[in-house]
Protein backbone atom coordinates (compact mmCIF):
# COMPACT_ATOMS: atom_id res chain seq x y z
CA ALA A 1 96.89 93.47 14.87
CA LYS A 2 100.18 91.90 15.93
CA SER A 3 99.35 92.56 19.58
CA ILE A 4 95.95 90.90 19.16
CA ILE A 5 97.51 87.89 17.47
CA SER A 6 100.12 87.66 20.22
CA GLN A 7 97.41 87.90 22.83
CA LYS A 8 95.30 85.21 21.18
CA THR A 9 98.34 82.97 20.79
CA ARG A 10 99.09 83.18 24.49
CA SER A 11 95.40 82.69 25.23
CA ASN A 12 95.30 79.54 23.08
CA GLU A 13 98.35 78.13 24.86
CA ALA A 14 96.69 78.66 28.25
CA ALA A 15 93.42 77.24 26.92
CA ASN A 16 95.10 74.12 25.52
CA ALA A 17 96.88 73.57 28.82
CA ARG A 18 93.60 73.93 30.64
CA ILE A 19 91.92 71.54 28.18
CA LYS A 20 94.55 68.86 28.86
CA GLU A 21 94.17 69.40 32.57
CA LEU A 22 90.38 69.07 32.38
CA GLU A 23 90.50 66.02 30.10
CA THR A 24 92.85 64.28 32.56
CA TYR A 25 90.53 65.28 35.37
CA ILE A 26 87.52 63.85 33.51
CA GLU A 27 89.39 60.59 32.85
CA ASP A 28 90.26 60.33 36.54
CA LEU A 29 86.62 60.96 37.46
CA ASP A 30 85.42 58.27 35.07
CA ALA A 31 88.02 55.83 36.39
CA GLY A 32 87.06 56.54 40.00
CA ARG A 33 90.55 57.78 40.87
CA ILE A 34 89.11 60.98 42.32
CA GLU A 35 86.40 61.31 44.95
CA LEU A 36 84.87 64.69 45.60
CA THR A 37 83.11 63.98 48.89
CA THR A 38 83.87 62.18 52.17
CA GLU A 39 80.84 59.92 51.67
CA ARG A 40 82.86 56.72 51.26
CA VAL A 41 85.06 57.45 54.28
CA ASP A 42 82.05 58.44 56.38
CA LEU A 43 80.05 55.36 55.41
CA GLU A 44 82.97 52.98 55.92
CA LYS A 45 83.52 54.50 59.37
CA GLU A 46 79.80 54.18 60.17
CA ILE A 47 79.77 50.54 59.04
CA GLU A 48 82.84 49.75 61.12
CA THR A 49 81.26 51.44 64.16
CA LEU A 50 77.96 49.57 63.72
CA LYS A 51 79.74 46.24 63.35
CA GLY A 52 81.76 46.96 66.46
CA GLU A 53 78.68 47.93 68.47
CA LEU A 54 76.85 44.80 67.30
CA GLU A 55 79.81 42.60 68.18
CA VAL A 56 80.15 44.13 71.66
CA ALA A 57 76.40 43.83 72.27
CA THR A 58 76.45 40.19 71.16
CA GLN A 59 79.40 39.36 73.41
CA LEU A 60 77.68 41.07 76.35
CA ARG A 61 74.43 39.17 75.69
CA ASP A 62 76.32 35.88 75.47
CA LYS A 63 78.05 36.64 78.78
CA GLU A 64 74.74 37.59 80.40
CA ALA A 65 73.15 34.39 79.12
CA GLU A 66 76.08 32.34 80.39
CA ASP A 67 75.90 34.02 83.81
CA PHE A 68 72.16 33.41 83.95
CA GLU A 69 72.55 29.73 83.13
CA THR A 70 75.17 29.39 85.85
CA ALA A 71 73.00 31.22 88.38
CA ARG A 72 69.88 29.32 87.29
CA ASP A 73 71.67 26.00 87.75
CA GLU A 74 72.85 26.99 91.22
CA MET A 75 69.43 28.26 92.27
CA GLN A 76 67.69 25.17 90.91
CA LYS A 77 70.10 22.93 92.79
CA ALA A 78 69.40 24.92 95.96
CA ILE A 79 65.65 24.61 95.38
CA ASP A 80 65.93 20.86 94.82
CA ALA A 81 68.15 20.46 97.88
CA LEU A 82 65.88 22.48 100.16
CA THR A 83 62.79 20.69 98.86
CA GLU A 84 64.41 17.33 99.55
CA ALA A 85 65.56 18.43 103.02
CA ILE A 86 62.11 19.69 103.95
CA GLU A 87 60.54 16.41 102.84
CA VAL A 88 63.04 14.46 104.95
CA LEU A 89 62.29 16.63 107.98
CA LYS A 90 58.56 16.31 107.45
CA ALA A 91 58.83 12.55 107.25
CA ALA A 92 60.92 12.37 110.41
CA THR A 93 58.68 14.76 112.32
CA ALA A 94 55.54 12.94 111.23
CA ASP A 95 56.56 9.96 113.34
CA HIS A 96 56.79 12.19 116.37
CA LYS A 97 53.36 13.66 115.67
CA LYS A 98 52.07 10.11 116.06
CA GLY A 99 53.80 9.91 119.40
CA VAL A 100 56.44 7.46 118.31
CA LEU A 101 60.04 8.59 118.75
CA LEU A 102 62.02 6.11 116.72
CA ALA A 103 65.70 5.61 117.18
CA LEU A 104 67.08 8.38 115.05
CA ARG A 105 70.34 6.66 114.45
CA GLY A 106 68.66 3.64 112.92
CA LYS A 107 66.16 5.73 110.98
CA THR A 108 68.66 8.12 109.48
CA ALA A 109 71.13 5.38 108.75
CA VAL A 110 68.51 3.50 106.74
CA GLY A 111 67.35 6.73 105.19
CA ALA A 112 70.86 7.70 104.23
CA ALA A 113 71.38 4.37 102.51
CA ALA A 114 68.04 4.60 100.73
CA ARG A 115 68.79 8.18 99.72
CA ALA A 116 72.29 7.52 98.46
CA GLN A 117 71.50 9.26 95.18
CA GLU A 118 70.21 12.30 97.05
CA ALA A 119 73.34 12.71 99.15
CA THR A 120 74.56 15.69 97.15
CA LYS A 121 71.25 17.48 97.56
CA LEU A 122 71.18 16.90 101.30
CA HIS A 123 74.73 18.05 101.83
CA LEU A 124 73.93 21.19 99.86
CA ALA A 125 70.87 21.72 102.03
CA VAL A 126 73.09 21.49 105.10
CA SER A 127 75.45 24.05 103.61
CA LEU A 128 72.55 26.37 102.82
CA GLY A 129 71.05 25.87 106.26
CA GLU A 130 74.28 26.98 107.92
CA ARG A 131 73.74 30.45 106.46
CA MET A 132 70.44 31.04 108.21
CA LEU A 133 70.28 28.66 111.18
CA THR A 134 71.88 28.96 114.57
CA ARG A 135 74.93 26.82 115.12
CA GLY A 136 72.91 24.36 117.19
CA ASP A 137 70.11 24.07 114.65
CA ALA A 138 72.62 23.73 111.83
CA VAL A 139 74.31 20.83 113.63
CA PHE A 140 70.90 19.28 114.35
CA LEU A 141 69.98 19.52 110.65
CA GLU A 142 73.31 18.13 109.54
CA ARG A 143 73.09 15.15 111.86
CA LEU A 144 69.55 14.38 110.83
CA LEU A 145 70.15 14.64 107.08
CA THR A 146 73.50 12.90 107.03
CA GLY A 147 72.82 10.30 109.70
CA GLU A 148 75.54 11.59 112.02
CA VAL A 149 73.45 11.18 115.18
CA PRO A 150 75.30 10.83 118.48
CA LYS A 151 74.79 7.81 120.73
CA ALA A 152 71.96 8.24 123.17
CA ASP A 153 69.77 6.40 125.65
CA TRP A 154 66.99 5.52 123.16
CA LYS A 155 64.68 4.00 125.81
CA LYS A 156 64.80 7.27 127.66
CA LEU A 157 64.30 9.27 124.53
CA ASN A 158 61.33 7.15 123.44
CA ARG A 159 59.43 8.09 126.56
CA LYS A 160 57.00 11.00 126.36
CA ALA A 161 59.48 13.56 127.54
CA THR A 162 60.62 17.13 127.06
CA PHE A 163 63.14 15.90 124.49
CA LYS A 164 60.31 14.75 122.24
CA MET A 165 58.68 18.16 122.33
CA ASP A 166 62.03 19.91 121.87
CA TYR A 167 62.76 17.72 118.88
CA LYS A 168 59.45 18.53 117.21
CA ALA A 169 59.74 22.24 117.97
CA ARG A 170 63.27 22.39 116.65
CA SER A 171 62.33 20.39 113.56
CA PHE A 172 59.36 22.67 112.83
CA LYS A 173 61.51 25.73 113.34
CA ILE A 174 64.13 24.43 110.93
CA GLN A 175 61.47 23.45 108.41
CA GLU A 176 60.05 26.96 108.59
CA THR A 177 63.48 28.49 108.02
CA LEU A 178 64.22 26.15 105.12
CA ALA A 179 60.78 26.87 103.64
CA LYS A 180 61.52 30.60 103.72
CA MET A 181 64.85 29.98 102.05
CA LEU A 182 63.13 27.81 99.45
CA GLU A 183 60.63 30.57 98.77
CA THR A 184 63.44 33.10 98.44
CA PHE A 185 65.35 30.93 95.99
CA ALA A 186 62.18 30.27 94.00
CA ASP A 187 61.40 34.00 93.86
CA ASN A 188 64.96 34.80 92.88
CA LEU A 189 64.87 32.19 90.13
CA LYS A 190 61.58 33.57 88.84
CA GLU A 191 62.92 37.13 88.90
CA ALA A 192 66.18 36.11 87.21
CA THR A 193 64.26 34.20 84.53
CA GLU A 194 62.01 37.21 83.86
CA LYS A 195 65.04 39.50 83.62
CA GLU A 196 66.71 37.07 81.25
CA GLU A 197 63.65 37.07 79.01
CA GLU A 198 63.57 40.87 79.07
CA ALA A 199 67.28 40.98 78.22
CA LYS A 200 66.68 38.62 75.31
CA GLU A 201 63.90 40.83 73.96
CA LEU A 202 65.95 44.01 74.36
CA PHE A 203 68.91 42.42 72.60
CA ALA A 204 66.70 41.16 69.78
CA LYS A 205 65.37 44.69 69.24
CA LEU A 206 68.86 46.20 69.45
CA LYS A 207 70.24 43.61 67.04
CA GLU A 208 67.43 44.23 64.57
CA SER A 209 67.95 47.99 64.78
CA LYS A 210 71.72 47.78 64.31
CA GLU A 211 71.41 45.32 61.44
CA THR A 212 68.90 47.64 59.75
CA GLU A 213 71.30 50.56 60.14
CA LEU A 214 74.16 48.40 58.90
CA LYS A 215 72.23 47.34 55.81
CA ALA A 216 71.27 50.94 55.05
CA ALA A 217 74.89 52.06 55.38
CA THR A 218 76.11 49.14 53.24
CA ASP A 219 73.54 49.89 50.55
CA ALA A 220 74.48 53.55 50.64
CA LEU A 221 78.14 52.63 50.24
CA GLU A 222 77.32 50.56 47.17
CA LYS A 223 75.27 53.34 45.60
CA MET A 224 77.39 56.30 46.70
CA GLU A 225 74.60 58.68 45.65
CA LYS A 226 76.17 61.85 47.08
CA GLU A 227 79.53 61.11 45.50
CA THR A 228 77.93 60.07 42.22
CA GLY A 229 75.85 63.25 42.16
CA ALA A 230 78.83 65.47 42.93
CA ARG A 231 80.99 63.65 40.38
CA GLY A 232 78.30 63.89 37.67
CA LEU A 233 77.88 67.62 38.24
CA SER A 234 81.62 68.26 38.25
CA ARG A 235 82.08 66.18 35.10
CA GLU A 236 79.32 68.03 33.31
CA GLN A 237 80.86 71.37 34.23
CA SER A 238 84.31 70.20 33.13
CA VAL A 239 83.05 68.87 29.78
CA THR A 240 81.21 72.13 29.14
CA GLU A 241 84.37 74.11 29.93
CA VAL A 242 86.44 71.89 27.60
CA GLU A 243 83.95 72.39 24.79
CA GLU A 244 83.93 76.14 25.32
CA LEU A 245 87.73 76.29 25.41
CA LYS A 246 88.03 74.20 22.25
CA THR A 247 85.59 76.52 20.50
CA GLN A 248 87.60 79.49 21.70
CA VAL A 249 90.87 77.97 20.51
CA ALA A 250 89.38 77.08 17.14
CA ASP A 251 88.03 80.62 16.64
CA ASP A 252 91.23 82.24 17.75
CA THR A 253 93.29 79.93 15.54
CA LYS A 254 91.22 80.96 12.52
CA TYR A 255 91.79 84.62 13.36
CA ILE A 256 95.53 84.09 13.73
CA GLU A 257 95.72 82.21 10.41
CA GLN A 258 93.92 84.92 8.46
């Protein structure tokens, strides 16, 4: 009997120690001082990653949009300049089609004064023309558009001569080259605009997707369903064990006291 009492006494001591340990554990669970899963850490990491991806994507889209606006402005200026240059050449050449070769110096000088506000466009057209025209044609274009025409024997030039035909041929050739450049710039602008619209749509879809994922992760972090489920199960098991141990201690205490 003494050995049984001694055994139950030791058993009660161990049980009481375990009860205190479990009760502390339950208090910590209830206070949120213990987490049984990595759900919070995983979700916080996922949220941080999603925010980072969204931020990087937004910065990239902003940079793409900025680059597009810069390129669009440059292409539009080129289009305007080439359009203006072609119109000037057409107007000058039209006089020759009528068989009248006016004094270019006087014509361009007046034209330059009248087109003072278009000077930037015309100078840009000259710069663009230099990329595609021969050196001679580029100089011809520059002199015509800027009014830098060398002195010449205008009476001789006004006669129906080879110069007149050369002038028209050269002017048409330059107009054709500028027209091709204009078409290229217009096509490039159209293509760039289409790509920009596509990029906007792709970003909008990506942004919506990432924001949906971010909301889901944020909601999950607030609910912590996995952690709550694991904590509830562990608490239930701990409470049950405490109750069983208390019953055991009470029964053994009665036996010892008999």
